[in-house]
PDB file of N, CA and C in Angstrom:
ATOM      1  N   MET A   1      33.760 344.160 221.502  1.00  0.00           N
ATOM      2  CA  MET A   1      32.582 344.576 220.785  1.00  0.00           C
ATOM      3  C   MET A   1      32.520 346.099 220.745  1.00  0.00           C
ATOM      4  N   ALA A   2      32.060 346.608 219.636  1.00  0.00           N
ATOM      5  CA  ALA A   2      32.001 348.050 219.436  1.00  0.00           C
ATOM      6  C   ALA A   2      31.050 348.714 220.425  1.00  0.00           C
ATOM      7  N   SER A   3      31.477 349.836 220.971  1.00  0.00           N
ATOM      8  CA  SER A   3      30.610 350.577 221.880  1.00  0.00           C
ATOM      9  C   SER A   3      29.761 351.560 221.079  1.00  0.00           C
ATOM     10  N   GLN A   4      28.618 351.908 221.618  1.00  0.00           N
ATOM     11  CA  GLN A   4      27.738 352.857 220.944  1.00  0.00           C
ATOM     12  C   GLN A   4      28.420 354.217 220.796  1.00  0.00           C
ATOM     13  N   GLU A   5      29.234 354.589 221.761  1.00  0.00           N
ATOM     14  CA  GLU A   5      29.949 355.870 221.699  1.00  0.00           C
ATOM     15  C   GLU A   5      30.865 355.938 220.482  1.00  0.00           C
ATOM     16  N   ILE A   6      31.593 354.858 220.223  1.00  0.00           N
ATOM     17  CA  ILE A   6      32.516 354.834 219.083  1.00  0.00           C
ATOM     18  C   ILE A   6      31.729 354.801 217.775  1.00  0.00           C
ATOM     19  N   LEU A   7      30.636 354.034 217.723  1.00  0.00           N
ATOM     20  CA  LEU A   7      29.798 354.007 216.521  1.00  0.00           C
ATOM     21  C   LEU A   7      29.203 355.386 216.246  1.00  0.00           C
ATOM     22  N   ASP A   8      28.761 356.068 217.291  1.00  0.00           N
ATOM     23  CA  ASP A   8      28.211 357.419 217.125  1.00  0.00           C
ATOM     24  C   ASP A   8      29.275 358.388 216.617  1.00  0.00           C
ATOM     25  N   LEU A   9      30.486 358.269 217.145  1.00  0.00           N
ATOM     26  CA  LEU A   9      31.583 359.123 216.686  1.00  0.00           C
ATOM     27  C   LEU A   9      31.868 358.879 215.212  1.00  0.00           C
ATOM     28  N   LEU A  10      31.881 357.626 214.797  1.00  0.00           N
ATOM     29  CA  LEU A  10      32.124 357.278 213.398  1.00  0.00           C
ATOM     30  C   LEU A  10      31.053 357.895 212.494  1.00  0.00           C
ATOM     31  N   ARG A  11      29.842 357.904 212.955  1.00  0.00           N
ATOM     32  CA  ARG A  11      28.717 358.412 212.149  1.00  0.00           C
ATOM     33  C   ARG A  11      28.679 359.939 212.086  1.00  0.00           C
ATOM     34  N   THR A  12      29.477 360.630 212.907  1.00  0.00           N
ATOM     35  CA  THR A  12      29.499 362.094 212.848  1.00  0.00           C
ATOM     36  C   THR A  12      30.177 362.604 211.585  1.00  0.00           C
ATOM     37  N   GLY A  13      30.962 361.741 210.939  1.00  0.00           N
ATOM     38  CA  GLY A  13      31.615 362.125 209.698  1.00  0.00           C
ATOM     39  C   GLY A  13      33.121 362.122 209.818  1.00  0.00           C
ATOM     40  N   LYS A  14      33.760 362.180 208.671  1.00  0.00           N
ATOM     41  CA  LYS A  14      35.222 362.020 208.641  1.00  0.00           C
ATOM     42  C   LYS A  14      35.966 363.155 209.331  1.00  0.00           C
ATOM     43  N   GLU A  15      35.466 364.394 209.253  1.00  0.00           N
ATOM     44  CA  GLU A  15      36.199 365.500 209.864  1.00  0.00           C
ATOM     45  C   GLU A  15      36.294 365.319 211.381  1.00  0.00           C
ATOM     46  N   THR A  16      35.161 365.044 212.010  1.00  0.00           N
ATOM     47  CA  THR A  16      35.137 364.864 213.463  1.00  0.00           C
ATOM     48  C   THR A  16      35.929 363.625 213.864  1.00  0.00           C
ATOM     49  N   TRP A  17      35.673 362.521 213.161  1.00  0.00           N
ATOM     50  CA  TRP A  17      36.397 361.272 213.468  1.00  0.00           C
ATOM     51  C   TRP A  17      37.898 361.479 213.316  1.00  0.00           C
ATOM     52  N   ASN A  18      38.337 361.988 212.164  1.00  0.00           N
ATOM     53  CA  ASN A  18      39.769 362.137 211.895  1.00  0.00           C
ATOM     54  C   ASN A  18      40.437 363.057 212.902  1.00  0.00           C
ATOM     55  N   ASP A  19      39.756 364.150 213.255  1.00  0.00           N
ATOM     56  CA  ASP A  19      40.322 365.078 214.230  1.00  0.00           C
ATOM     57  C   ASP A  19      40.564 364.387 215.565  1.00  0.00           C
ATOM     58  N   ARG A  20      39.578 363.674 216.044  1.00  0.00           N
ATOM     59  CA  ARG A  20      39.720 363.004 217.344  1.00  0.00           C
ATOM     60  C   ARG A  20      40.719 361.854 217.284  1.00  0.00           C
ATOM     61  N   HIS A  21      40.618 361.016 216.256  1.00  0.00           N
ATOM     62  CA  HIS A  21      41.486 359.845 216.140  1.00  0.00           C
ATOM     63  C   HIS A  21      42.950 360.254 215.998  1.00  0.00           C
ATOM     64  N   LEU A  22      43.218 361.279 215.235  1.00  0.00           N
ATOM     65  CA  LEU A  22      44.605 361.712 215.034  1.00  0.00           C
ATOM     66  C   LEU A  22      45.150 362.463 216.242  1.00  0.00           C
ATOM     67  N   ARG A  23      44.271 362.983 217.106  1.00  0.00           N
ATOM     68  CA  ARG A  23      44.692 363.695 218.304  1.00  0.00           C
ATOM     69  C   ARG A  23      44.991 362.774 219.481  1.00  0.00           C
ATOM     70  N   ASP A  24      44.128 361.798 219.709  1.00  0.00           N
ATOM     71  CA  ASP A  24      44.300 361.023 220.948  1.00  0.00           C
ATOM     72  C   ASP A  24      44.826 359.605 220.751  1.00  0.00           C
ATOM     73  N   TRP A  25      44.793 359.062 219.561  1.00  0.00           N
ATOM     74  CA  TRP A  25      45.347 357.730 219.261  1.00  0.00           C
ATOM     75  C   TRP A  25      44.870 356.654 220.231  1.00  0.00           C
ATOM     76  N   SER A  26      43.646 356.780 220.702  1.00  0.00           N
ATOM     77  CA  SER A  26      43.063 355.742 221.542  1.00  0.00           C
ATOM     78  C   SER A  26      42.881 354.474 220.724  1.00  0.00           C
ATOM     79  N   GLU A  27      42.767 353.348 221.415  1.00  0.00           N
ATOM     80  CA  GLU A  27      42.463 352.098 220.734  1.00  0.00           C
ATOM     81  C   GLU A  27      40.957 352.042 220.528  1.00  0.00           C
ATOM     82  N   TYR A  28      40.546 352.109 219.279  1.00  0.00           N
ATOM     83  CA  TYR A  28      39.130 352.080 218.950  1.00  0.00           C
ATOM     84  C   TYR A  28      38.718 350.655 218.624  1.00  0.00           C
ATOM     85  N   ASP A  29      37.654 350.203 219.257  1.00  0.00           N
ATOM     86  CA  ASP A  29      37.167 348.848 219.071  1.00  0.00           C
ATOM     87  C   ASP A  29      35.852 348.883 218.300  1.00  0.00           C
ATOM     88  N   LEU A  30      35.914 348.474 217.039  1.00  0.00           N
ATOM     89  CA  LEU A  30      34.724 348.342 216.219  1.00  0.00           C
ATOM     90  C   LEU A  30      34.526 346.875 215.837  1.00  0.00           C
ATOM     91  N   SER A  31      35.017 345.977 216.698  1.00  0.00           N
ATOM     92  CA  SER A  31      34.864 344.556 216.425  1.00  0.00           C
ATOM     93  C   SER A  31      33.379 344.192 216.415  1.00  0.00           C
ATOM     94  N   ASP A  32      33.020 343.349 215.475  1.00  0.00           N
ATOM     95  CA  ASP A  32      31.651 342.856 215.301  1.00  0.00           C
ATOM     96  C   ASP A  32      30.648 343.950 214.957  1.00  0.00           C
ATOM     97  N   ALA A  33      31.111 345.145 214.634  1.00  0.00           N
ATOM     98  CA  ALA A  33      30.197 346.236 214.271  1.00  0.00           C
ATOM     99  C   ALA A  33      29.604 345.995 212.888  1.00  0.00           C
ATOM    100  N   ASN A  34      28.371 346.402 212.702  1.00  0.00           N
ATOM    101  CA  ASN A  34      27.742 346.318 211.392  1.00  0.00           C
ATOM    102  C   ASN A  34      27.867 347.685 210.728  1.00  0.00           C
ATOM    103  N   LEU A  35      28.792 347.786 209.783  1.00  0.00           N
ATOM    104  CA  LEU A  35      29.055 349.038 209.073  1.00  0.00           C
ATOM    105  C   LEU A  35      28.678 348.900 207.594  1.00  0.00           C
ATOM    106  N   GLU A  36      27.802 347.959 207.321  1.00  0.00           N
ATOM    107  CA  GLU A  36      27.428 347.645 205.945  1.00  0.00           C
ATOM    108  C   GLU A  36      26.922 348.893 205.218  1.00  0.00           C
ATOM    109  N   GLY A  37      27.494 349.118 204.018  1.00  0.00           N
ATOM    110  CA  GLY A  37      27.046 350.182 203.142  1.00  0.00           C
ATOM    111  C   GLY A  37      27.492 351.580 203.525  1.00  0.00           C
ATOM    112  N   MET A  38      28.283 351.723 204.572  1.00  0.00           N
ATOM    113  CA  MET A  38      28.728 353.064 204.978  1.00  0.00           C
ATOM    114  C   MET A  38      29.765 353.617 204.004  1.00  0.00           C
ATOM    115  N   ASP A  39      29.834 354.914 203.898  1.00  0.00           N
ATOM    116  CA  ASP A  39      30.871 355.575 203.117  1.00  0.00           C
ATOM    117  C   ASP A  39      31.936 356.058 204.092  1.00  0.00           C
ATOM    118  N   LEU A  40      33.047 355.329 204.136  1.00  0.00           N
ATOM    119  CA  LEU A  40      34.163 355.670 205.025  1.00  0.00           C
ATOM    120  C   LEU A  40      35.342 356.230 204.233  1.00  0.00           C
ATOM    121  N   SER A  41      35.044 356.830 203.102  1.00  0.00           N
ATOM    122  CA  SER A  41      36.087 357.428 202.268  1.00  0.00           C
ATOM    123  C   SER A  41      36.837 358.499 203.044  1.00  0.00           C
ATOM    124  N   GLU A  42      38.149 358.444 202.947  1.00  0.00           N
ATOM    125  CA  GLU A  42      39.073 359.417 203.544  1.00  0.00           C
ATOM    126  C   GLU A  42      39.085 359.403 205.066  1.00  0.00           C
ATOM    127  N   PHE A  43      38.518 358.365 205.694  1.00  0.00           N
ATOM    128  CA  PHE A  43      38.594 358.228 207.141  1.00  0.00           C
ATOM    129  C   PHE A  43      39.976 357.708 207.530  1.00  0.00           C
ATOM    130  N   HIS A  44      40.552 358.240 208.592  1.00  0.00           N
ATOM    131  CA  HIS A  44      41.800 357.733 209.160  1.00  0.00           C
ATOM    132  C   HIS A  44      41.407 356.704 210.229  1.00  0.00           C
ATOM    133  N   LEU A  45      41.504 355.433 209.845  1.00  0.00           N
ATOM    134  CA  LEU A  45      41.061 354.343 210.703  1.00  0.00           C
ATOM    135  C   LEU A  45      42.221 353.475 211.147  1.00  0.00           C
ATOM    136  N   SER A  46      43.433 353.973 211.016  1.00  0.00           N
ATOM    137  CA  SER A  46      44.608 353.169 211.340  1.00  0.00           C
ATOM    138  C   SER A  46      44.561 352.660 212.771  1.00  0.00           C
ATOM    139  N   GLY A  47      44.867 351.368 212.923  1.00  0.00           N
ATOM    140  CA  GLY A  47      44.929 350.751 214.236  1.00  0.00           C
ATOM    141  C   GLY A  47      43.601 350.346 214.836  1.00  0.00           C
ATOM    142  N   VAL A  48      42.500 350.581 214.137  1.00  0.00           N
ATOM    143  CA  VAL A  48      41.179 350.241 214.666  1.00  0.00           C
ATOM    144  C   VAL A  48      40.977 348.728 214.626  1.00  0.00           C
ATOM    145  N   ASN A  49      40.303 348.201 215.641  1.00  0.00           N
ATOM    146  CA  ASN A  49      39.968 346.779 215.700  1.00  0.00           C
ATOM    147  C   ASN A  49      38.642 346.555 214.984  1.00  0.00           C
ATOM    148  N   PHE A  50      38.713 345.956 213.789  1.00  0.00           N
ATOM    149  CA  PHE A  50      37.533 345.612 213.003  1.00  0.00           C
ATOM    150  C   PHE A  50      37.313 344.099 212.990  1.00  0.00           C
ATOM    151  N   LYS A  51      37.845 343.403 213.965  1.00  0.00           N
ATOM    152  CA  LYS A  51      37.745 341.936 213.998  1.00  0.00           C
ATOM    153  C   LYS A  51      36.273 341.513 213.956  1.00  0.00           C
ATOM    154  N   GLY A  52      35.932 340.715 212.918  1.00  0.00           N
ATOM    155  CA  GLY A  52      34.574 340.213 212.774  1.00  0.00           C
ATOM    156  C   GLY A  52      33.554 341.243 212.327  1.00  0.00           C
ATOM    157  N   ALA A  53      33.988 342.443 211.967  1.00  0.00           N
ATOM    158  CA  ALA A  53      33.052 343.499 211.557  1.00  0.00           C
ATOM    159  C   ALA A  53      32.440 343.194 210.191  1.00  0.00           C
ATOM    160  N   ILE A  54      31.258 343.734 209.979  1.00  0.00           N
ATOM    161  CA  ILE A  54      30.572 343.603 208.694  1.00  0.00           C
ATOM    162  C   ILE A  54      30.803 344.895 207.922  1.00  0.00           C
ATOM    163  N   LEU A  55      31.566 344.775 206.842  1.00  0.00           N
ATOM    164  CA  LEU A  55      31.907 345.920 206.003  1.00  0.00           C
ATOM    165  C   LEU A  55      31.444 345.693 204.560  1.00  0.00           C
ATOM    166  N   ARG A  56      30.402 344.868 204.395  1.00  0.00           N
ATOM    167  CA  ARG A  56      29.885 344.594 203.047  1.00  0.00           C
ATOM    168  C   ARG A  56      29.405 345.898 202.412  1.00  0.00           C
ATOM    169  N   HIS A  57      29.728 346.050 201.122  1.00  0.00           N
ATOM    170  CA  HIS A  57      29.287 347.209 200.329  1.00  0.00           C
ATOM    171  C   HIS A  57      29.778 348.545 200.896  1.00  0.00           C
ATOM    172  N   THR A  58      30.784 348.509 201.733  1.00  0.00           N
ATOM    173  CA  THR A  58      31.328 349.735 202.323  1.00  0.00           C
ATOM    174  C   THR A  58      32.285 350.399 201.339  1.00  0.00           C
ATOM    175  N   ILE A  59      32.261 351.712 201.286  1.00  0.00           N
ATOM    176  CA  ILE A  59      33.157 352.469 200.422  1.00  0.00           C
ATOM    177  C   ILE A  59      34.322 352.947 201.281  1.00  0.00           C
ATOM    178  N   LEU A  60      35.527 352.537 200.881  1.00  0.00           N
ATOM    179  CA  LEU A  60      36.735 352.839 201.660  1.00  0.00           C
ATOM    180  C   LEU A  60      37.755 353.601 200.820  1.00  0.00           C
ATOM    181  N   ASP A  61      37.300 354.364 199.852  1.00  0.00           N
ATOM    182  CA  ASP A  61      38.207 355.087 198.965  1.00  0.00           C
ATOM    183  C   ASP A  61      39.084 356.055 199.750  1.00  0.00           C
ATOM    184  N   ARG A  62      40.377 355.983 199.511  1.00  0.00           N
ATOM    185  CA  ARG A  62      41.397 356.837 200.139  1.00  0.00           C
ATOM    186  C   ARG A  62      41.383 356.756 201.667  1.00  0.00           C
ATOM    187  N   ALA A  63      40.822 355.670 202.210  1.00  0.00           N
ATOM    188  CA  ALA A  63      40.802 355.477 203.664  1.00  0.00           C
ATOM    189  C   ALA A  63      42.115 354.846 204.121  1.00  0.00           C
ATOM    190  N   ASN A  64      42.522 355.161 205.345  1.00  0.00           N
ATOM    191  CA  ASN A  64      43.726 354.585 205.932  1.00  0.00           C
ATOM    192  C   ASN A  64      43.306 353.532 206.950  1.00  0.00           C
ATOM    193  N   LEU A  65      43.561 352.262 206.606  1.00  0.00           N
ATOM    194  CA  LEU A  65      43.296 351.142 207.497  1.00  0.00           C
ATOM    195  C   LEU A  65      44.595 350.415 207.835  1.00  0.00           C
ATOM    196  N   GLY A  66      45.701 351.137 207.789  1.00  0.00           N
ATOM    197  CA  GLY A  66      46.984 350.546 208.157  1.00  0.00           C
ATOM    198  C   GLY A  66      46.967 350.085 209.604  1.00  0.00           C
ATOM    199  N   TRP A  67      47.579 348.961 209.865  1.00  0.00           N
ATOM    200  CA  TRP A  67      47.709 348.386 211.196  1.00  0.00           C
ATOM    201  C   TRP A  67      46.364 347.998 211.811  1.00  0.00           C
ATOM    202  N   CYS A  68      45.304 347.871 211.019  1.00  0.00           N
ATOM    203  CA  CYS A  68      43.996 347.450 211.529  1.00  0.00           C
ATOM    204  C   CYS A  68      43.920 345.938 211.656  1.00  0.00           C
ATOM    205  N   ASP A  69      43.117 345.479 212.595  1.00  0.00           N
ATOM    206  CA  ASP A  69      42.817 344.057 212.715  1.00  0.00           C
ATOM    207  C   ASP A  69      41.481 343.819 212.028  1.00  0.00           C
ATOM    208  N   LEU A  70      41.550 343.216 210.849  1.00  0.00           N
ATOM    209  CA  LEU A  70      40.358 342.895 210.069  1.00  0.00           C
ATOM    210  C   LEU A  70      40.143 341.382 210.019  1.00  0.00           C
ATOM    211  N   THR A  71      40.655 340.675 211.024  1.00  0.00           N
ATOM    212  CA  THR A  71      40.507 339.234 211.098  1.00  0.00           C
ATOM    213  C   THR A  71      39.027 338.863 211.044  1.00  0.00           C
ATOM    214  N   ASN A  72      38.696 337.958 210.128  1.00  0.00           N
ATOM    215  CA  ASN A  72      37.325 337.458 209.948  1.00  0.00           C
ATOM    216  C   ASN A  72      36.302 338.543 209.614  1.00  0.00           C
ATOM    217  N   ALA A  73      36.752 339.691 209.143  1.00  0.00           N
ATOM    218  CA  ALA A  73      35.816 340.744 208.725  1.00  0.00           C
ATOM    219  C   ALA A  73      35.141 340.338 207.420  1.00  0.00           C
ATOM    220  N   ASP A  74      33.912 340.741 207.254  1.00  0.00           N
ATOM    221  CA  ASP A  74      33.167 340.478 206.023  1.00  0.00           C
ATOM    222  C   ASP A  74      33.229 341.733 205.166  1.00  0.00           C
ATOM    223  N   MET A  75      34.081 341.685 204.140  1.00  0.00           N
ATOM    224  CA  MET A  75      34.287 342.847 203.283  1.00  0.00           C
ATOM    225  C   MET A  75      33.793 342.591 201.856  1.00  0.00           C
ATOM    226  N   ARG A  76      32.848 341.650 201.731  1.00  0.00           N
ATOM    227  CA  ARG A  76      32.326 341.330 200.398  1.00  0.00           C
ATOM    228  C   ARG A  76      31.726 342.571 199.746  1.00  0.00           C
ATOM    229  N   ASN A  77      32.056 342.730 198.467  1.00  0.00           N
ATOM    230  CA  ASN A  77      31.519 343.814 197.643  1.00  0.00           C
ATOM    231  C   ASN A  77      31.876 345.209 198.146  1.00  0.00           C
ATOM    232  N   ALA A  78      32.865 345.312 199.024  1.00  0.00           N
ATOM    233  CA  ALA A  78      33.340 346.637 199.447  1.00  0.00           C
ATOM    234  C   ALA A  78      34.180 347.227 198.307  1.00  0.00           C
ATOM    235  N   HIS A  79      34.443 348.500 198.388  1.00  0.00           N
ATOM    236  CA  HIS A  79      35.221 349.186 197.353  1.00  0.00           C
ATOM    237  C   HIS A  79      36.311 350.015 198.014  1.00  0.00           C
ATOM    238  N   MET A  80      37.553 349.804 197.569  1.00  0.00           N
ATOM    239  CA  MET A  80      38.660 350.584 198.115  1.00  0.00           C
ATOM    240  C   MET A  80      39.564 351.020 196.969  1.00  0.00           C
ATOM    241  N   PHE A  81      39.576 352.306 196.694  1.00  0.00           N
ATOM    242  CA  PHE A  81      40.404 352.890 195.661  1.00  0.00           C
ATOM    243  C   PHE A  81      41.449 353.774 196.333  1.00  0.00           C
ATOM    244  N   SER A  82      42.696 353.512 196.030  1.00  0.00           N
ATOM    245  CA  SER A  82      43.802 354.334 196.508  1.00  0.00           C
ATOM    246  C   SER A  82      43.819 354.453 198.035  1.00  0.00           C
ATOM    247  N   GLY A  83      43.580 353.339 198.706  1.00  0.00           N
ATOM    248  CA  GLY A  83      43.577 353.333 200.163  1.00  0.00           C
ATOM    249  C   GLY A  83      44.836 352.711 200.732  1.00  0.00           C
ATOM    250  N   ASP A  84      44.822 352.470 202.023  1.00  0.00           N
ATOM    251  CA  ASP A  84      45.994 351.960 202.724  1.00  0.00           C
ATOM    252  C   ASP A  84      45.605 350.823 203.663  1.00  0.00           C
ATOM    253  N   LEU A  85      46.175 349.645 203.420  1.00  0.00           N
ATOM    254  CA  LEU A  85      45.985 348.471 204.270  1.00  0.00           C
ATOM    255  C   LEU A  85      47.343 347.929 204.733  1.00  0.00           C
ATOM    256  N   HIS A  86      48.364 348.801 204.795  1.00  0.00           N
ATOM    257  CA  HIS A  86      49.688 348.312 205.173  1.00  0.00           C
ATOM    258  C   HIS A  86      49.655 347.737 206.590  1.00  0.00           C
ATOM    259  N   HIS A  87      50.285 346.586 206.738  1.00  0.00           N
ATOM    260  CA  HIS A  87      50.385 345.860 208.012  1.00  0.00           C
ATOM    261  C   HIS A  87      49.023 345.516 208.630  1.00  0.00           C
ATOM    262  N   ALA A  88      47.980 345.479 207.823  1.00  0.00           N
ATOM    263  CA  ALA A  88      46.657 345.080 208.324  1.00  0.00           C
ATOM    264  C   ALA A  88      46.597 343.564 208.461  1.00  0.00           C
ATOM    265  N   GLU A  89      45.865 343.112 209.465  1.00  0.00           N
ATOM    266  CA  GLU A  89      45.615 341.678 209.657  1.00  0.00           C
ATOM    267  C   GLU A  89      44.310 341.340 208.943  1.00  0.00           C
ATOM    268  N   LEU A  90      44.430 340.556 207.869  1.00  0.00           N
ATOM    269  CA  LEU A  90      43.254 340.182 207.084  1.00  0.00           C
ATOM    270  C   LEU A  90      43.035 338.668 207.122  1.00  0.00           C
ATOM    271  N   ILE A  91      43.485 338.025 208.180  1.00  0.00           N
ATOM    272  CA  ILE A  91      43.378 336.578 208.298  1.00  0.00           C
ATOM    273  C   ILE A  91      41.905 336.182 208.330  1.00  0.00           C
ATOM    274  N   GLY A  92      41.509 335.349 207.388  1.00  0.00           N
ATOM    275  CA  GLY A  92      40.140 334.865 207.328  1.00  0.00           C
ATOM    276  C   GLY A  92      39.124 335.892 206.877  1.00  0.00           C
ATOM    277  N   ALA A  93      39.557 337.083 206.468  1.00  0.00           N
ATOM    278  CA  ALA A  93      38.616 338.103 205.993  1.00  0.00           C
ATOM    279  C   ALA A  93      38.001 337.656 204.670  1.00  0.00           C
ATOM    280  N   ASN A  94      36.726 337.934 204.488  1.00  0.00           N
ATOM    281  CA  ASN A  94      36.042 337.592 203.254  1.00  0.00           C
ATOM    282  C   ASN A  94      36.112 338.807 202.335  1.00  0.00           C
ATOM    283  N   LEU A  95      36.958 338.696 201.301  1.00  0.00           N
ATOM    284  CA  LEU A  95      37.163 339.794 200.355  1.00  0.00           C
ATOM    285  C   LEU A  95      36.509 339.507 199.005  1.00  0.00           C
ATOM    286  N   GLU A  96      35.550 338.582 198.995  1.00  0.00           N
ATOM    287  CA  GLU A  96      34.893 338.183 197.759  1.00  0.00           C
ATOM    288  C   GLU A  96      34.266 339.394 197.072  1.00  0.00           C
ATOM    289  N   ASN A  97      34.578 339.542 195.785  1.00  0.00           N
ATOM    290  CA  ASN A  97      34.065 340.637 194.948  1.00  0.00           C
ATOM    291  C   ASN A  97      34.433 342.026 195.461  1.00  0.00           C
ATOM    292  N   MET A  98      35.422 342.136 196.332  1.00  0.00           N
ATOM    293  CA  MET A  98      35.863 343.455 196.796  1.00  0.00           C
ATOM    294  C   MET A  98      36.712 344.089 195.702  1.00  0.00           C
ATOM    295  N   GLU A  99      36.445 345.337 195.397  1.00  0.00           N
ATOM    296  CA  GLU A  99      37.247 346.069 194.434  1.00  0.00           C
ATOM    297  C   GLU A  99      38.400 346.726 195.172  1.00  0.00           C
ATOM    298  N   ILE A 100      39.617 346.314 194.825  1.00  0.00           N
ATOM    299  CA  ILE A 100      40.811 346.874 195.459  1.00  0.00           C
ATOM    300  C   ILE A 100      41.695 347.411 194.343  1.00  0.00           C
ATOM    301  N   VAL A 101      41.798 348.727 194.250  1.00  0.00           N
ATOM    302  CA  VAL A 101      42.556 349.359 193.180  1.00  0.00           C
ATOM    303  C   VAL A 101      43.540 350.357 193.774  1.00  0.00           C
ATOM    304  N   GLY A 102      44.824 350.188 193.495  1.00  0.00           N
ATOM    305  CA  GLY A 102      45.832 351.129 193.955  1.00  0.00           C
ATOM    306  C   GLY A 102      45.964 351.194 195.464  1.00  0.00           C
ATOM    307  N   VAL A 103      45.804 350.061 196.141  1.00  0.00           N
ATOM    308  CA  VAL A 103      45.831 350.007 197.599  1.00  0.00           C
ATOM    309  C   VAL A 103      47.193 349.524 198.087  1.00  0.00           C
ATOM    310  N   ASN A 104      47.722 350.156 199.118  1.00  0.00           N
ATOM    311  CA  ASN A 104      48.983 349.752 199.730  1.00  0.00           C
ATOM    312  C   ASN A 104      48.729 348.541 200.618  1.00  0.00           C
ATOM    313  N   LEU A 105      49.285 347.394 200.233  1.00  0.00           N
ATOM    314  CA  LEU A 105      49.147 346.154 200.995  1.00  0.00           C
ATOM    315  C   LEU A 105      50.495 345.708 201.579  1.00  0.00           C
ATOM    316  N   ASN A 106      51.473 346.610 201.619  1.00  0.00           N
ATOM    317  CA  ASN A 106      52.784 346.244 202.145  1.00  0.00           C
ATOM    318  C   ASN A 106      52.672 345.733 203.569  1.00  0.00           C
ATOM    319  N   GLY A 107      53.182 344.523 203.809  1.00  0.00           N
ATOM    320  CA  GLY A 107      53.196 343.949 205.137  1.00  0.00           C
ATOM    321  C   GLY A 107      51.867 343.418 205.628  1.00  0.00           C
ATOM    322  N   ALA A 108      50.820 343.497 204.795  1.00  0.00           N
ATOM    323  CA  ALA A 108      49.502 342.992 205.194  1.00  0.00           C
ATOM    324  C   ALA A 108      49.554 341.476 205.309  1.00  0.00           C
ATOM    325  N   ASN A 109      48.845 340.924 206.276  1.00  0.00           N
ATOM    326  CA  ASN A 109      48.784 339.480 206.499  1.00  0.00           C
ATOM    327  C   ASN A 109      47.500 338.972 205.827  1.00  0.00           C
ATOM    328  N   LEU A 110      47.693 338.246 204.734  1.00  0.00           N
ATOM    329  CA  LEU A 110      46.560 337.761 203.949  1.00  0.00           C
ATOM    330  C   LEU A 110      46.412 336.250 204.053  1.00  0.00           C
ATOM    331  N   GLU A 111      46.827 335.669 205.161  1.00  0.00           N
ATOM    332  CA  GLU A 111      46.757 334.217 205.335  1.00  0.00           C
ATOM    333  C   GLU A 111      45.321 333.755 205.430  1.00  0.00           C
ATOM    334  N   GLY A 112      45.130 332.490 205.055  1.00  0.00           N
ATOM    335  CA  GLY A 112      43.828 331.852 205.214  1.00  0.00           C
ATOM    336  C   GLY A 112      42.922 332.080 204.038  1.00  0.00           C
ATOM    337  N   PRO A 113      41.712 331.530 204.125  1.00  0.00           N
ATOM    338  CA  PRO A 113      40.764 331.686 203.017  1.00  0.00           C
ATOM    339  C   PRO A 113      40.299 333.125 202.910  1.00  0.00           C
ATOM    340  N   ILE A 114      40.402 333.643 201.704  1.00  0.00           N
ATOM    341  CA  ILE A 114      39.999 335.038 201.473  1.00  0.00           C
ATOM    342  C   ILE A 114      38.860 335.056 200.485  1.00  0.00           C
TER     343      ILE A 114
END
């Protein structure tokens, strides 16, 4: 489950988040987090655990979610333009009405009901 510290760091903005995430490569756990409607454009979120997270109506333009665990994530009506989901686990993720344009899905696991 997502810790308040990690949620607070995410809310500080992409510059602070990206600087820390790219420096320390810690395993960030945002599982079951409610991130509905957030603008995560240009965030480097590679390797983050989003298992069961709520990402409805989230903007993910040019975001890097490579190697993320998005198992059972709710991504309905999210928007991702020119982003990266390479090697992401999307098993059971709800992608209903998600706009995905120009996104790298190489190696992504899209098994199960989407």
